[in-house]
């Protein structure tokens, strides 16, 4: 525990308090600069823009996209035609099991100006936009939804299997429609799975790097530069390793904040 978790975190925290660089004498003998990196960070408009982009990316792709679509697909697999379920499950899970770098290049080819999506739009007489340049954040949000929905679908499929069928059958006999049964019976029965899945997808999405880097490189400009992208750019593109480590440390703290909030929300559910 101390070697694999606390040790690296402590070393990263120390690194964020230095002026370490990627090359030169500061790479050999970095100096302790206290909270200078954090002072520079919190007064940087680029940093706050990156925080906002990160929140939009997490909320759009994880909390809304993956969770809502994952639940919809789980309901489709459970209640849809028997032959449809295995087909949908196979297609969705295929996206999840692909190595992240392979999925990133696949999605880049799909959203490229002369890529698959615009080619398909051309079949119906539509001219698609330059997705990766015009709406880069929306593009990476959609990509992350496609990439991660399978996990949510599997979590919700397992949770839905635990809902006693006699409850929904009794409600149906009493005249409750599908939507009423879903809102008043199914959702309350799977609320713990929903809360747990939201926490896991949030923390996973917060650290997404390869997908965004391959598709947009954080651009154009800084339009899709989330915190992991900004940390990488500062550390390895502009050679400010100490400053980049400070950004990474803040990202870690944001993840810890999300985890604490979710644990607080989940605790009454676990205790009940």
Protein backbone atom coordinates (compact mmCIF):
# COMPACT_ATOMS: atom_id res chain seq x y z
CA UNK A 1 0.00 0.00 0.00
CA UNK A 2 2.72 2.43 1.01
CA UNK A 3 4.94 1.53 -1.93
CA UNK A 4 2.34 1.44 -4.70
CA UNK A 5 -0.03 4.23 -3.62
CA UNK A 6 1.15 6.56 -0.88
CA UNK A 7 4.76 6.62 -2.08
CA UNK A 8 4.07 7.76 -5.68
CA UNK A 9 1.44 10.26 -4.52
CA UNK A 10 3.84 11.72 -1.98
CA UNK A 11 6.62 11.94 -4.57
CA UNK A 12 4.25 13.63 -7.05
CA UNK A 13 3.18 16.10 -4.38
CA UNK A 14 6.83 16.94 -3.69
CA UNK A 15 7.51 17.24 -7.43
CA UNK A 16 4.71 19.79 -7.73
CA UNK A 17 6.56 21.97 -5.20
CA UNK A 18 9.70 22.15 -7.31
CA UNK A 19 10.76 23.86 -10.54
CA UNK A 20 11.71 20.54 -12.15
CA UNK A 21 12.12 20.70 -15.93
CA UNK A 22 12.37 18.10 -18.66
CA UNK A 23 15.93 18.97 -19.57
CA UNK A 24 18.79 21.23 -18.49
CA UNK A 25 20.10 21.87 -15.01
CA UNK A 26 16.59 21.98 -13.49
CA UNK A 27 16.09 18.41 -14.62
CA UNK A 28 19.26 17.37 -12.79
CA UNK A 29 18.85 19.49 -9.65
CA UNK A 30 15.30 20.89 -9.30
CA UNK A 31 14.83 23.50 -6.60
CA UNK A 32 12.09 23.65 -3.97
CA UNK A 33 9.79 26.59 -4.85
CA UNK A 34 7.00 26.06 -2.32
CA UNK A 35 3.52 26.83 -3.66
CA UNK A 36 4.70 28.94 -6.62
CA UNK A 37 3.38 26.40 -9.14
CA UNK A 38 -0.05 26.41 -7.47
CA UNK A 39 -0.11 30.20 -7.29
CA UNK A 40 0.67 30.38 -11.01
CA UNK A 41 -1.90 27.65 -11.69
CA UNK A 42 -4.81 29.22 -9.82
CA UNK A 43 -4.24 32.59 -11.48
CA UNK A 44 -4.13 31.06 -14.97
CA UNK A 45 -7.24 31.48 -17.13
CA UNK A 46 -6.15 28.44 -19.15
CA UNK A 47 -6.30 26.30 -16.01
CA UNK A 48 -9.86 27.36 -15.15
CA UNK A 49 -10.92 26.85 -18.75
CA UNK A 50 -9.46 23.34 -18.50
CA UNK A 51 -11.36 22.71 -15.25
CA UNK A 52 -14.60 23.74 -16.97
CA UNK A 53 -13.89 21.53 -20.00
CA UNK A 54 -13.12 18.61 -17.67
CA UNK A 55 -16.42 19.04 -15.80
CA UNK A 56 -18.37 19.24 -19.07
CA UNK A 57 -16.56 16.14 -20.36
CA UNK A 58 -17.23 14.15 -17.16
CA UNK A 59 -20.86 15.20 -16.77
CA UNK A 60 -21.69 14.85 -20.48
CA UNK A 61 -19.97 11.57 -21.22
CA UNK A 62 -20.01 9.72 -17.88
CA UNK A 63 -22.86 10.94 -15.67
CA UNK A 64 -25.34 11.47 -18.50
CA UNK A 65 -24.15 9.65 -21.61
CA UNK A 66 -22.78 6.36 -20.30
CA UNK A 67 -25.30 6.01 -17.47
CA UNK A 68 -28.45 6.88 -19.42
CA UNK A 69 -27.46 4.93 -22.53
CA UNK A 70 -26.18 2.03 -20.42
CA UNK A 71 -29.53 1.79 -18.61
CA UNK A 72 -31.46 2.05 -21.90
CA UNK A 73 -29.41 -0.74 -23.47
CA UNK A 74 -29.74 -2.91 -20.35
CA UNK A 75 -33.54 -2.51 -20.52
CA UNK A 76 -33.49 -3.28 -24.24
CA UNK A 77 -31.43 -6.43 -23.74
CA UNK A 78 -33.68 -7.58 -20.88
CA UNK A 79 -37.09 -6.70 -22.31
CA UNK A 80 -36.49 -6.66 -26.07
CA UNK A 81 -36.70 -9.53 -28.56
CA UNK A 82 -34.60 -12.53 -27.49
CA UNK A 83 -32.50 -12.50 -30.68
CA UNK A 84 -31.76 -8.76 -30.33
CA UNK A 85 -30.17 -8.95 -26.88
CA UNK A 86 -27.04 -10.97 -27.78
CA UNK A 87 -26.45 -8.84 -30.89
CA UNK A 88 -26.66 -5.55 -28.98
CA UNK A 89 -24.51 -6.88 -26.13
CA UNK A 90 -21.83 -8.11 -28.52
CA UNK A 91 -21.65 -4.82 -30.43
CA UNK A 92 -21.48 -2.68 -27.29
CA UNK A 93 -18.98 -4.86 -25.46
CA UNK A 94 -16.71 -4.95 -28.52
CA UNK A 95 -16.14 -1.20 -28.13
CA UNK A 96 -15.26 -1.69 -24.47
CA UNK A 97 -12.75 -4.52 -24.91
CA UNK A 98 -10.78 -2.70 -27.62
CA UNK A 99 -7.45 -1.33 -26.38
CA UNK A 100 -7.87 2.40 -25.74
CA UNK A 101 -5.35 3.40 -28.39
CA UNK A 102 -7.12 1.25 -31.00
CA UNK A 103 -10.51 2.70 -30.03
CA UNK A 104 -9.07 6.22 -30.25
CA UNK A 105 -7.74 5.76 -33.80
CA UNK A 106 -11.01 4.06 -34.80
CA UNK A 107 -13.04 7.01 -33.54
CA UNK A 108 -10.65 9.47 -35.18
CA UNK A 109 -11.30 7.73 -38.50
CA UNK A 110 -15.03 7.81 -37.82
CA UNK A 111 -15.23 11.55 -37.03
CA UNK A 112 -12.56 12.79 -39.48
CA UNK A 113 -13.64 15.25 -42.16
CA UNK A 114 -13.46 12.56 -44.83
CA UNK A 115 -14.28 9.81 -42.34
CA UNK A 116 -17.04 7.26 -41.99
CA UNK A 117 -19.65 9.53 -40.40
CA UNK A 118 -19.48 12.22 -43.09
CA UNK A 119 -19.41 9.52 -45.76
CA UNK A 120 -22.67 8.09 -44.35
CA UNK A 121 -24.21 11.58 -44.19
CA UNK A 122 -23.22 12.05 -47.82
CA UNK A 123 -25.32 9.01 -48.77
CA UNK A 124 -28.45 10.96 -47.77
CA UNK A 125 -27.29 14.22 -49.34
CA UNK A 126 -25.97 15.91 -46.20
CA UNK A 127 -22.61 17.65 -45.82
CA UNK A 128 -21.17 16.79 -42.42
CA UNK A 129 -19.14 19.38 -40.50
CA UNK A 130 -15.48 19.11 -39.60
CA UNK A 131 -16.36 17.41 -36.33
CA UNK A 132 -12.89 17.40 -34.77
CA UNK A 133 -12.39 21.11 -35.47
CA UNK A 134 -15.86 22.65 -35.22
CA UNK A 135 -17.16 20.75 -32.18
CA UNK A 136 -14.12 18.98 -30.68
CA UNK A 137 -15.48 18.70 -27.13
CA UNK A 138 -18.80 17.24 -28.31
CA UNK A 139 -16.88 14.78 -30.47
CA UNK A 140 -14.73 13.45 -27.62
CA UNK A 141 -17.81 13.31 -25.35
CA UNK A 142 -19.60 11.12 -27.92
CA UNK A 143 -16.46 9.03 -28.34
CA UNK A 144 -16.18 8.40 -24.61
CA UNK A 145 -19.87 7.50 -24.43
CA UNK A 146 -19.35 4.92 -27.20
CA UNK A 147 -16.20 3.65 -25.51
CA UNK A 148 -17.53 3.28 -21.96
CA UNK A 149 -21.26 2.53 -22.20
CA UNK A 150 -20.69 -1.25 -22.14
CA UNK A 151 -19.52 -1.13 -18.51
CA UNK A 152 -22.68 0.70 -17.42
CA UNK A 153 -24.83 -1.68 -19.46
CA UNK A 154 -23.32 -4.71 -17.73
CA UNK A 155 -23.69 -3.15 -14.25
CA UNK A 156 -27.34 -2.27 -14.89
CA UNK A 157 -28.09 -5.64 -16.52
CA UNK A 158 -26.90 -7.38 -13.35
CA UNK A 159 -28.94 -4.98 -11.19
CA UNK A 160 -32.12 -5.41 -13.25
CA UNK A 161 -31.83 -9.19 -12.94
CA UNK A 162 -32.20 -8.77 -9.16
CA UNK A 163 -35.54 -6.94 -9.39
CA UNK A 164 -38.25 -9.39 -8.24
CA UNK A 165 -40.55 -10.00 -11.23
CA UNK A 166 -43.58 -10.47 -8.96
CA UNK A 167 -43.40 -6.78 -7.98
CA UNK A 168 -43.61 -5.54 -11.55
CA UNK A 169 -46.24 -8.15 -12.41
CA UNK A 170 -48.39 -7.04 -9.46
CA UNK A 171 -48.05 -3.39 -10.55
CA UNK A 172 -48.97 -4.33 -14.10
CA UNK A 173 -52.10 -6.13 -12.87
CA UNK A 174 -53.01 -2.98 -10.91
CA UNK A 175 -52.89 -1.02 -14.17
CA UNK A 176 -49.45 0.61 -13.93
CA UNK A 177 -47.90 1.36 -17.31
CA UNK A 178 -44.30 0.60 -18.29
CA UNK A 179 -43.05 4.07 -17.38
CA UNK A 180 -44.79 4.01 -13.98
CA UNK A 181 -43.32 0.58 -13.20
CA UNK A 182 -39.85 1.79 -14.20
CA UNK A 183 -40.00 4.98 -12.12
CA UNK A 184 -41.73 3.62 -9.02
CA UNK A 185 -40.36 0.06 -8.83
CA UNK A 186 -37.30 -0.55 -11.00
CA UNK A 187 -35.32 2.64 -10.29
CA UNK A 188 -35.72 2.46 -6.48
CA UNK A 189 -34.69 -1.21 -6.56
CA UNK A 190 -31.47 -0.51 -8.52
CA UNK A 191 -30.56 2.84 -6.90
CA UNK A 192 -27.42 1.43 -5.23
CA UNK A 193 -26.13 0.11 -8.56
CA UNK A 194 -26.82 3.51 -10.13
CA UNK A 195 -24.90 5.38 -7.44
CA UNK A 196 -21.97 2.95 -7.56
CA UNK A 197 -21.81 3.03 -11.35
CA UNK A 198 -21.89 6.83 -11.40
CA UNK A 199 -18.90 6.93 -9.04
CA UNK A 200 -16.87 4.43 -11.06
CA UNK A 201 -17.59 6.02 -14.44
CA UNK A 202 -16.85 9.50 -13.08
CA UNK A 203 -13.43 8.51 -11.72
CA UNK A 204 -12.56 6.58 -14.88
CA UNK A 205 -13.61 9.44 -17.16
CA UNK A 206 -11.72 12.03 -15.14
CA UNK A 207 -8.46 10.34 -16.14
CA UNK A 208 -9.20 9.81 -19.85
CA UNK A 209 -6.14 10.91 -21.81
CA UNK A 210 -5.39 8.71 -24.83
CA UNK A 211 -8.82 9.08 -26.41
CA UNK A 212 -8.69 12.90 -26.39
CA UNK A 213 -5.02 13.17 -27.26
CA UNK A 214 -5.31 10.97 -30.34
CA UNK A 215 -8.54 12.57 -31.60
CA UNK A 216 -7.90 16.28 -31.02
CA UNK A 217 -4.61 16.71 -29.16
CA UNK A 218 -6.54 19.02 -26.81
CA UNK A 219 -7.37 21.42 -29.65
CA UNK A 220 -8.05 23.21 -31.78
CA UNK A 221 -6.28 25.68 -29.51
CA UNK A 222 -7.41 24.61 -26.05
CA UNK A 223 -11.02 23.75 -26.92
CA UNK A 224 -10.75 20.14 -25.71
CA UNK A 225 -7.85 20.47 -23.30
CA UNK A 226 -9.05 18.70 -20.16
CA UNK A 227 -6.87 18.55 -17.03
CA UNK A 228 -4.91 15.37 -18.02
CA UNK A 229 -4.18 16.90 -21.44
CA UNK A 230 -3.11 20.21 -19.90
CA UNK A 231 -0.82 18.44 -17.42
CA UNK A 232 0.84 16.44 -20.19
CA UNK A 233 1.31 19.50 -22.40
CA UNK A 234 2.86 21.58 -19.64
CA UNK A 235 5.17 18.77 -18.47
CA UNK A 236 6.32 17.28 -21.78
CA UNK A 237 5.58 19.89 -24.47
CA UNK A 238 6.67 22.98 -22.57
CA UNK A 239 9.14 21.05 -20.33
CA UNK A 240 7.66 22.41 -17.08
CA UNK A 241 7.57 19.11 -15.19
CA UNK A 242 6.97 20.70 -11.77
CA UNK A 243 4.09 22.82 -13.08
CA UNK A 244 2.60 19.86 -14.95
CA UNK A 245 2.84 17.75 -11.81
CA UNK A 246 0.93 20.45 -9.92
CA UNK A 247 -1.90 20.15 -12.48
CA UNK A 248 -1.86 16.37 -12.11
CA UNK A 249 -2.02 16.75 -8.33
CA UNK A 250 -5.05 19.04 -8.63
CA UNK A 251 -6.68 16.45 -10.92
CA UNK A 252 -6.05 13.83 -8.25
CA UNK A 253 -7.68 16.07 -5.64
CA UNK A 254 -10.71 16.63 -7.91
CA UNK A 255 -11.07 12.85 -8.22
CA UNK A 256 -10.78 12.47 -4.45
CA UNK A 257 -13.46 15.16 -4.01
CA UNK A 258 -15.81 13.31 -6.35
CA UNK A 259 -15.11 10.05 -4.45
CA UNK A 260 -15.85 11.67 -1.07
CA UNK A 261 -19.12 13.13 -2.37
CA UNK A 262 -20.21 9.78 -3.80
CA UNK A 263 -19.26 7.93 -0.59
CA UNK A 264 -21.34 10.42 1.41
CA UNK A 265 -24.26 9.87 -0.95
CA UNK A 266 -23.84 6.08 -0.96
CA UNK A 267 -23.43 5.65 2.81
CA UNK A 268 -27.13 6.03 3.70
CA UNK A 269 -27.95 3.51 0.96
CA UNK A 270 -25.46 0.99 2.35
CA UNK A 271 -26.60 1.52 5.93
CA UNK A 272 -30.30 1.19 5.07
